[in-house]
Amino acid sequence: MNETFPKYYNILEGLAAALPGDFIGGEKPCWQDFFVANWLDIFGDTIMGQDFLNTYPELKKIKDNVFALPAISEYLKTREKTFV
């Protein structure tokens, strides 16, 4: 966990930094944004702790941008938080 996760998070961080716009697909979200945001949220809640994203600002930006979308934001206010 201390070697493999950071290795791949660094790769993803570099890819995210190279992308134009606020999302993986540019200025509009695509399904990959939702996948990555959910994955980062689950890993933050279960394995890494939410503070781990402070080391990866570009990945945090993608997650924050997805979670700020009006419909997603509204859903997150009322959803039941579960393990998965």
PDB file of N, CA and C in Angstrom:
ATOM      1  N   MET A   1       0.821  -1.185   0.000  1.00  0.00           N
ATOM      2  CA  MET A   1       0.000   0.000   0.000  1.00  0.00           C
ATOM      3  C   MET A   1       0.872   1.260   0.000  1.00  0.00           C
ATOM      4  N   ASN A   2       1.974   1.213   0.708  1.00  0.00           N
ATOM      5  CA  ASN A   2       2.839   2.384   0.789  1.00  0.00           C
ATOM      6  C   ASN A   2       3.701   2.581  -0.449  1.00  0.00           C
ATOM      7  N   GLU A   3       3.805   1.554  -1.273  1.00  0.00           N
ATOM      8  CA  GLU A   3       4.610   1.668  -2.487  1.00  0.00           C
ATOM      9  C   GLU A   3       3.734   1.710  -3.744  1.00  0.00           C
ATOM     10  N   THR A   4       2.802   0.786  -3.837  1.00  0.00           N
ATOM     11  CA  THR A   4       2.017   0.652  -5.061  1.00  0.00           C
ATOM     12  C   THR A   4       1.039   1.803  -5.247  1.00  0.00           C
ATOM     13  N   PHE A   5       0.263   2.132  -4.216  1.00  0.00           N
ATOM     14  CA  PHE A   5      -0.720   3.213  -4.358  1.00  0.00           C
ATOM     15  C   PHE A   5      -0.062   4.531  -4.742  1.00  0.00           C
ATOM     16  N   PRO A   6       0.969   4.985  -4.017  1.00  0.00           N
ATOM     17  CA  PRO A   6       1.593   6.249  -4.412  1.00  0.00           C
ATOM     18  C   PRO A   6       2.154   6.221  -5.834  1.00  0.00           C
ATOM     19  N   LYS A   7       2.679   5.093  -6.241  1.00  0.00           N
ATOM     20  CA  LYS A   7       3.218   4.986  -7.601  1.00  0.00           C
ATOM     21  C   LYS A   7       2.129   5.297  -8.626  1.00  0.00           C
ATOM     22  N   TYR A   8       0.979   4.674  -8.478  1.00  0.00           N
ATOM     23  CA  TYR A   8      -0.087   4.862  -9.457  1.00  0.00           C
ATOM     24  C   TYR A   8      -0.813   6.188  -9.282  1.00  0.00           C
ATOM     25  N   TYR A   9      -0.931   6.657  -8.044  1.00  0.00           N
ATOM     26  CA  TYR A   9      -1.513   7.985  -7.843  1.00  0.00           C
ATOM     27  C   TYR A   9      -0.640   9.057  -8.478  1.00  0.00           C
ATOM     28  N   ASN A  10       0.679   8.908  -8.414  1.00  0.00           N
ATOM     29  CA  ASN A  10       1.576   9.861  -9.064  1.00  0.00           C
ATOM     30  C   ASN A  10       1.409   9.836 -10.578  1.00  0.00           C
ATOM     31  N   ILE A  11       1.225   8.650 -11.133  1.00  0.00           N
ATOM     32  CA  ILE A  11       0.988   8.547 -12.579  1.00  0.00           C
ATOM     33  C   ILE A  11      -0.318   9.241 -12.940  1.00  0.00           C
ATOM     34  N   LEU A  12      -1.388   8.949 -12.193  1.00  0.00           N
ATOM     35  CA  LEU A  12      -2.685   9.583 -12.463  1.00  0.00           C
ATOM     36  C   LEU A  12      -2.631  11.088 -12.247  1.00  0.00           C
ATOM     37  N   GLU A  13      -1.899  11.517 -11.239  1.00  0.00           N
ATOM     38  CA  GLU A  13      -1.751  12.960 -10.980  1.00  0.00           C
ATOM     39  C   GLU A  13      -1.078  13.640 -12.168  1.00  0.00           C
ATOM     40  N   GLY A  14      -0.038  13.019 -12.703  1.00  0.00           N
ATOM     41  CA  GLY A  14       0.641  13.577 -13.869  1.00  0.00           C
ATOM     42  C   GLY A  14      -0.263  13.644 -15.084  1.00  0.00           C
ATOM     43  N   LEU A  15      -1.050  12.599 -15.290  1.00  0.00           N
ATOM     44  CA  LEU A  15      -2.000  12.614 -16.410  1.00  0.00           C
ATOM     45  C   LEU A  15      -3.048  13.703 -16.220  1.00  0.00           C
ATOM     46  N   ALA A  16      -3.567  13.827 -15.016  1.00  0.00           N
ATOM     47  CA  ALA A  16      -4.585  14.843 -14.736  1.00  0.00           C
ATOM     48  C   ALA A  16      -4.016  16.247 -14.930  1.00  0.00           C
ATOM     49  N   ALA A  17      -2.768  16.460 -14.553  1.00  0.00           N
ATOM     50  CA  ALA A  17      -2.138  17.774 -14.703  1.00  0.00           C
ATOM     51  C   ALA A  17      -1.960  18.143 -16.172  1.00  0.00           C
ATOM     52  N   ALA A  18      -1.801  17.146 -17.015  1.00  0.00           N
ATOM     53  CA  ALA A  18      -1.589  17.396 -18.448  1.00  0.00           C
ATOM     54  C   ALA A  18      -2.886  17.652 -19.205  1.00  0.00           C
ATOM     55  N   LEU A  19      -4.019  17.379 -18.578  1.00  0.00           N
ATOM     56  CA  LEU A  19      -5.306  17.534 -19.259  1.00  0.00           C
ATOM     57  C   LEU A  19      -5.789  18.975 -19.203  1.00  0.00           C
ATOM     58  N   PRO A  20      -6.310  19.479 -20.316  1.00  0.00           N
ATOM     59  CA  PRO A  20      -6.888  20.825 -20.279  1.00  0.00           C
ATOM     60  C   PRO A  20      -8.291  20.782 -19.670  1.00  0.00           C
ATOM     61  N   GLY A  21      -8.681  21.835 -19.019  1.00  0.00           N
ATOM     62  CA  GLY A  21     -10.041  21.921 -18.499  1.00  0.00           C
ATOM     63  C   GLY A  21     -10.166  21.419 -17.079  1.00  0.00           C
ATOM     64  N   ASP A  22     -11.399  21.409 -16.613  1.00  0.00           N
ATOM     65  CA  ASP A  22     -11.697  21.048 -15.226  1.00  0.00           C
ATOM     66  C   ASP A  22     -12.026  19.575 -15.032  1.00  0.00           C
ATOM     67  N   PHE A  23     -12.142  18.855 -16.132  1.00  0.00           N
ATOM     68  CA  PHE A  23     -12.514  17.451 -16.082  1.00  0.00           C
ATOM     69  C   PHE A  23     -11.579  16.642 -16.968  1.00  0.00           C
ATOM     70  N   ILE A  24     -11.648  15.332 -16.856  1.00  0.00           N
ATOM     71  CA  ILE A  24     -10.815  14.463 -17.686  1.00  0.00           C
ATOM     72  C   ILE A  24     -11.091  14.696 -19.161  1.00  0.00           C
ATOM     73  N   GLY A  25     -12.351  14.913 -19.494  1.00  0.00           N
ATOM     74  CA  GLY A  25     -12.733  15.125 -20.884  1.00  0.00           C
ATOM     75  C   GLY A  25     -12.649  16.571 -21.345  1.00  0.00           C
ATOM     76  N   GLY A  26     -12.125  17.449 -20.522  1.00  0.00           N
ATOM     77  CA  GLY A  26     -12.030  18.856 -20.897  1.00  0.00           C
ATOM     78  C   GLY A  26     -12.923  19.718 -20.025  1.00  0.00           C
ATOM     79  N   GLU A  27     -13.798  20.485 -20.673  1.00  0.00           N
ATOM     80  CA  GLU A  27     -14.666  21.397 -19.926  1.00  0.00           C
ATOM     81  C   GLU A  27     -15.964  20.759 -19.452  1.00  0.00           C
ATOM     82  N   LYS A  28     -16.305  19.602 -20.004  1.00  0.00           N
ATOM     83  CA  LYS A  28     -17.532  18.915 -19.604  1.00  0.00           C
ATOM     84  C   LYS A  28     -17.181  17.552 -19.013  1.00  0.00           C
ATOM     85  N   PRO A  29     -17.912  17.132 -17.980  1.00  0.00           N
ATOM     86  CA  PRO A  29     -17.611  15.828 -17.379  1.00  0.00           C
ATOM     87  C   PRO A  29     -17.973  14.672 -18.305  1.00  0.00           C
ATOM     88  N   CYS A  30     -17.216  13.617 -18.191  1.00  0.00           N
ATOM     89  CA  CYS A  30     -17.493  12.374 -18.911  1.00  0.00           C
ATOM     90  C   CYS A  30     -17.572  11.251 -17.874  1.00  0.00           C
ATOM     91  N   TRP A  31     -17.912  10.062 -18.315  1.00  0.00           N
ATOM     92  CA  TRP A  31     -18.113   8.975 -17.354  1.00  0.00           C
ATOM     93  C   TRP A  31     -16.849   8.686 -16.554  1.00  0.00           C
ATOM     94  N   GLN A  32     -15.677   8.929 -17.135  1.00  0.00           N
ATOM     95  CA  GLN A  32     -14.432   8.671 -16.423  1.00  0.00           C
ATOM     96  C   GLN A  32     -14.288   9.582 -15.196  1.00  0.00           C
ATOM     97  N   ASP A  33     -14.803  10.808 -15.296  1.00  0.00           N
ATOM     98  CA  ASP A  33     -14.755  11.718 -14.154  1.00  0.00           C
ATOM     99  C   ASP A  33     -15.549  11.158 -12.980  1.00  0.00           C
ATOM    100  N   PHE A  34     -16.731  10.631 -13.270  1.00  0.00           N
ATOM    101  CA  PHE A  34     -17.567  10.067 -12.217  1.00  0.00           C
ATOM    102  C   PHE A  34     -16.907   8.837 -11.596  1.00  0.00           C
ATOM    103  N   PHE A  35     -16.299   8.014 -12.425  1.00  0.00           N
ATOM    104  CA  PHE A  35     -15.602   6.822 -11.935  1.00  0.00           C
ATOM    105  C   PHE A  35     -14.451   7.217 -11.017  1.00  0.00           C
ATOM    106  N   VAL A  36     -13.611   8.135 -11.481  1.00  0.00           N
ATOM    107  CA  VAL A  36     -12.443   8.550 -10.704  1.00  0.00           C
ATOM    108  C   VAL A  36     -12.869   9.228  -9.404  1.00  0.00           C
ATOM    109  N   ALA A  37     -13.856  10.118  -9.463  1.00  0.00           N
ATOM    110  CA  ALA A  37     -14.314  10.816  -8.257  1.00  0.00           C
ATOM    111  C   ALA A  37     -14.847   9.826  -7.226  1.00  0.00           C
ATOM    112  N   ASN A  38     -15.634   8.874  -7.677  1.00  0.00           N
ATOM    113  CA  ASN A  38     -16.181   7.875  -6.756  1.00  0.00           C
ATOM    114  C   ASN A  38     -15.069   7.011  -6.172  1.00  0.00           C
ATOM    115  N   TRP A  39     -14.161   6.582  -6.999  1.00  0.00           N
ATOM    116  CA  TRP A  39     -13.035   5.747  -6.577  1.00  0.00           C
ATOM    117  C   TRP A  39     -12.187   6.475  -5.534  1.00  0.00           C
ATOM    118  N   LEU A  40     -11.872   7.745  -5.784  1.00  0.00           N
ATOM    119  CA  LEU A  40     -11.093   8.521  -4.825  1.00  0.00           C
ATOM    120  C   LEU A  40     -11.844   8.701  -3.513  1.00  0.00           C
ATOM    121  N   ASP A  41     -13.148   8.895  -3.590  1.00  0.00           N
ATOM    122  CA  ASP A  41     -13.963   9.055  -2.391  1.00  0.00           C
ATOM    123  C   ASP A  41     -13.964   7.766  -1.563  1.00  0.00           C
ATOM    124  N   ILE A  42     -14.155   6.650  -2.218  1.00  0.00           N
ATOM    125  CA  ILE A  42     -14.159   5.357  -1.515  1.00  0.00           C
ATOM    126  C   ILE A  42     -12.795   5.074  -0.890  1.00  0.00           C
ATOM    127  N   PHE A  43     -11.722   5.291  -1.652  1.00  0.00           N
ATOM    128  CA  PHE A  43     -10.389   5.057  -1.099  1.00  0.00           C
ATOM    129  C   PHE A  43     -10.107   5.992   0.063  1.00  0.00           C
ATOM    130  N   GLY A  44     -10.580   7.223  -0.023  1.00  0.00           N
ATOM    131  CA  GLY A  44     -10.397   8.173   1.065  1.00  0.00           C
ATOM    132  C   GLY A  44     -11.150   7.771   2.317  1.00  0.00           C
ATOM    133  N   ASP A  45     -12.339   7.217   2.136  1.00  0.00           N
ATOM    134  CA  ASP A  45     -13.149   6.796   3.275  1.00  0.00           C
ATOM    135  C   ASP A  45     -12.681   5.492   3.900  1.00  0.00           C
ATOM    136  N   THR A  46     -12.125   4.595   3.105  1.00  0.00           N
ATOM    137  CA  THR A  46     -11.861   3.246   3.595  1.00  0.00           C
ATOM    138  C   THR A  46     -10.388   2.900   3.810  1.00  0.00           C
ATOM    139  N   ILE A  47      -9.505   3.412   2.978  1.00  0.00           N
ATOM    140  CA  ILE A  47      -8.119   2.945   3.017  1.00  0.00           C
ATOM    141  C   ILE A  47      -7.129   4.062   3.331  1.00  0.00           C
ATOM    142  N   MET A  48      -7.226   5.148   2.585  1.00  0.00           N
ATOM    143  CA  MET A  48      -6.178   6.166   2.619  1.00  0.00           C
ATOM    144  C   MET A  48      -6.456   7.324   3.581  1.00  0.00           C
ATOM    145  N   GLY A  49      -7.705   7.595   3.889  1.00  0.00           N
ATOM    146  CA  GLY A  49      -8.061   8.790   4.641  1.00  0.00           C
ATOM    147  C   GLY A  49      -8.215   9.956   3.670  1.00  0.00           C
ATOM    148  N   GLN A  50      -9.178  10.818   3.901  1.00  0.00           N
ATOM    149  CA  GLN A  50      -9.467  11.890   2.945  1.00  0.00           C
ATOM    150  C   GLN A  50      -8.293  12.850   2.742  1.00  0.00           C
ATOM    151  N   ASP A  51      -7.405  12.956   3.716  1.00  0.00           N
ATOM    152  CA  ASP A  51      -6.273  13.876   3.581  1.00  0.00           C
ATOM    153  C   ASP A  51      -5.275  13.449   2.512  1.00  0.00           C
ATOM    154  N   PHE A  52      -5.343  12.204   2.065  1.00  0.00           N
ATOM    155  CA  PHE A  52      -4.369  11.752   1.066  1.00  0.00           C
ATOM    156  C   PHE A  52      -4.461  12.565  -0.214  1.00  0.00           C
ATOM    157  N   LEU A  53      -5.617  13.121  -0.502  1.00  0.00           N
ATOM    158  CA  LEU A  53      -5.764  13.902  -1.731  1.00  0.00           C
ATOM    159  C   LEU A  53      -5.028  15.241  -1.676  1.00  0.00           C
ATOM    160  N   ASN A  54      -4.625  15.673  -0.507  1.00  0.00           N
ATOM    161  CA  ASN A  54      -3.841  16.911  -0.415  1.00  0.00           C
ATOM    162  C   ASN A  54      -2.508  16.764  -1.138  1.00  0.00           C
ATOM    163  N   THR A  55      -2.033  15.542  -1.270  1.00  0.00           N
ATOM    164  CA  THR A  55      -0.782  15.273  -1.987  1.00  0.00           C
ATOM    165  C   THR A  55      -0.993  15.260  -3.498  1.00  0.00           C
ATOM    166  N   TYR A  56      -2.232  15.133  -3.930  1.00  0.00           N
ATOM    167  CA  TYR A  56      -2.552  15.007  -5.352  1.00  0.00           C
ATOM    168  C   TYR A  56      -3.592  16.070  -5.740  1.00  0.00           C
ATOM    169  N   PRO A  57      -3.179  17.322  -5.869  1.00  0.00           N
ATOM    170  CA  PRO A  57      -4.139  18.404  -6.095  1.00  0.00           C
ATOM    171  C   PRO A  57      -4.927  18.296  -7.399  1.00  0.00           C
ATOM    172  N   GLU A  58      -4.351  17.718  -8.424  1.00  0.00           N
ATOM    173  CA  GLU A  58      -5.077  17.591  -9.695  1.00  0.00           C
ATOM    174  C   GLU A  58      -6.183  16.543  -9.591  1.00  0.00           C
ATOM    175  N   LEU A  59      -5.919  15.450  -8.912  1.00  0.00           N
ATOM    176  CA  LEU A  59      -6.959  14.449  -8.696  1.00  0.00           C
ATOM    177  C   LEU A  59      -8.044  15.000  -7.778  1.00  0.00           C
ATOM    178  N   LYS A  60      -7.631  15.755  -6.767  1.00  0.00           N
ATOM    179  CA  LYS A  60      -8.602  16.384  -5.866  1.00  0.00           C
ATOM    180  C   LYS A  60      -9.492  17.353  -6.635  1.00  0.00           C
ATOM    181  N   LYS A  61      -8.889  18.080  -7.580  1.00  0.00           N
ATOM    182  CA  LYS A  61      -9.660  19.029  -8.393  1.00  0.00           C
ATOM    183  C   LYS A  61     -10.747  18.304  -9.186  1.00  0.00           C
ATOM    184  N   ILE A  62     -10.399  17.183  -9.784  1.00  0.00           N
ATOM    185  CA  ILE A  62     -11.391  16.415 -10.542  1.00  0.00           C
ATOM    186  C   ILE A  62     -12.515  15.955  -9.619  1.00  0.00           C
ATOM    187  N   LYS A  63     -12.154  15.387  -8.476  1.00  0.00           N
ATOM    188  CA  LYS A  63     -13.179  14.929  -7.536  1.00  0.00           C
ATOM    189  C   LYS A  63     -14.058  16.092  -7.089  1.00  0.00           C
ATOM    190  N   ASP A  64     -13.447  17.185  -6.704  1.00  0.00           N
ATOM    191  CA  ASP A  64     -14.209  18.350  -6.237  1.00  0.00           C
ATOM    192  C   ASP A  64     -15.123  18.905  -7.327  1.00  0.00           C
ATOM    193  N   ASN A  65     -14.647  18.936  -8.557  1.00  0.00           N
ATOM    194  CA  ASN A  65     -15.470  19.447  -9.665  1.00  0.00           C
ATOM    195  C   ASN A  65     -16.669  18.548  -9.932  1.00  0.00           C
ATOM    196  N   VAL A  66     -16.477  17.248  -9.853  1.00  0.00           N
ATOM    197  CA  VAL A  66     -17.601  16.317 -10.037  1.00  0.00           C
ATOM    198  C   VAL A  66     -18.591  16.474  -8.885  1.00  0.00           C
ATOM    199  N   PHE A  67     -18.076  16.512  -7.672  1.00  0.00           N
ATOM    200  CA  PHE A  67     -18.966  16.614  -6.508  1.00  0.00           C
ATOM    201  C   PHE A  67     -19.666  17.968  -6.429  1.00  0.00           C
ATOM    202  N   ALA A  68     -19.171  18.967  -7.155  1.00  0.00           N
ATOM    203  CA  ALA A  68     -19.794  20.295  -7.171  1.00  0.00           C
ATOM    204  C   ALA A  68     -20.885  20.426  -8.242  1.00  0.00           C
ATOM    205  N   LEU A  69     -20.984  19.460  -9.141  1.00  0.00           N
ATOM    206  CA  LEU A  69     -22.055  19.510 -10.135  1.00  0.00           C
ATOM    207  C   LEU A  69     -23.391  19.537  -9.395  1.00  0.00           C
ATOM    208  N   PRO A  70     -24.329  20.399  -9.808  1.00  0.00           N
ATOM    209  CA  PRO A  70     -25.564  20.584  -9.039  1.00  0.00           C
ATOM    210  C   PRO A  70     -26.299  19.296  -8.676  1.00  0.00           C
ATOM    211  N   ALA A  71     -26.520  18.414  -9.615  1.00  0.00           N
ATOM    212  CA  ALA A  71     -27.263  17.181  -9.313  1.00  0.00           C
ATOM    213  C   ALA A  71     -26.479  16.270  -8.372  1.00  0.00           C
ATOM    214  N   ILE A  72     -25.162  16.203  -8.546  1.00  0.00           N
ATOM    215  CA  ILE A  72     -24.329  15.366  -7.680  1.00  0.00           C
ATOM    216  C   ILE A  72     -24.276  15.975  -6.281  1.00  0.00           C
ATOM    217  N   SER A  73     -24.091  17.275  -6.215  1.00  0.00           N
ATOM    218  CA  SER A  73     -24.045  17.966  -4.932  1.00  0.00           C
ATOM    219  C   SER A  73     -25.333  17.757  -4.140  1.00  0.00           C
ATOM    220  N   GLU A  74     -26.453  17.872  -4.813  1.00  0.00           N
ATOM    221  CA  GLU A  74     -27.744  17.673  -4.150  1.00  0.00           C
ATOM    222  C   GLU A  74     -27.884  16.236  -3.658  1.00  0.00           C
ATOM    223  N   TYR A  75     -27.489  15.292  -4.472  1.00  0.00           N
ATOM    224  CA  TYR A  75     -27.547  13.882  -4.075  1.00  0.00           C
ATOM    225  C   TYR A  75     -26.672  13.615  -2.851  1.00  0.00           C
ATOM    226  N   LEU A  76     -25.461  14.172  -2.853  1.00  0.00           N
ATOM    227  CA  LEU A  76     -24.530  13.919  -1.756  1.00  0.00           C
ATOM    228  C   LEU A  76     -25.041  14.465  -0.421  1.00  0.00           C
ATOM    229  N   LYS A  77     -25.876  15.470  -0.462  1.00  0.00           N
ATOM    230  CA  LYS A  77     -26.437  16.038   0.767  1.00  0.00           C
ATOM    231  C   LYS A  77     -27.409  15.074   1.454  1.00  0.00           C
ATOM    232  N   THR A  78     -28.045  14.230   0.670  1.00  0.00           N
ATOM    233  CA  THR A  78     -29.110  13.379   1.231  1.00  0.00           C
ATOM    234  C   THR A  78     -28.821  11.887   1.194  1.00  0.00           C
ATOM    235  N   ARG A  79     -27.753  11.487   0.549  1.00  0.00           N
ATOM    236  CA  ARG A  79     -27.487  10.043   0.436  1.00  0.00           C
ATOM    237  C   ARG A  79     -27.089   9.452   1.773  1.00  0.00           C
ATOM    238  N   GLU A  80     -27.381   8.204   1.896  1.00  0.00           N
ATOM    239  CA  GLU A  80     -26.922   7.460   3.059  1.00  0.00           C
ATOM    240  C   GLU A  80     -25.503   7.017   2.789  1.00  0.00           C
ATOM    241  N   LYS A  81     -24.601   7.353   3.681  1.00  0.00           N
ATOM    242  CA  LYS A  81     -23.189   6.989   3.517  1.00  0.00           C
ATOM    243  C   LYS A  81     -23.015   5.531   3.899  1.00  0.00           C
ATOM    244  N   THR A  82     -22.546   4.716   2.949  1.00  0.00           N
ATOM    245  CA  THR A  82     -22.321   3.295   3.190  1.00  0.00           C
ATOM    246  C   THR A  82     -20.864   2.964   2.921  1.00  0.00           C
ATOM    247  N   PHE A  83     -20.498   1.741   3.175  1.00  0.00           N
ATOM    248  CA  PHE A  83     -19.123   1.297   2.957  1.00  0.00           C
ATOM    249  C   PHE A  83     -18.730   1.382   1.491  1.00  0.00           C
ATOM    250  N   VAL A  84     -19.638   1.076   0.588  1.00  0.00           N
ATOM    251  CA  VAL A  84     -19.334   1.098  -0.846  1.00  0.00           C
ATOM    252  C   VAL A  84     -20.225   2.061  -1.568  1.00  0.00           C
TER     253      VAL A  84
END
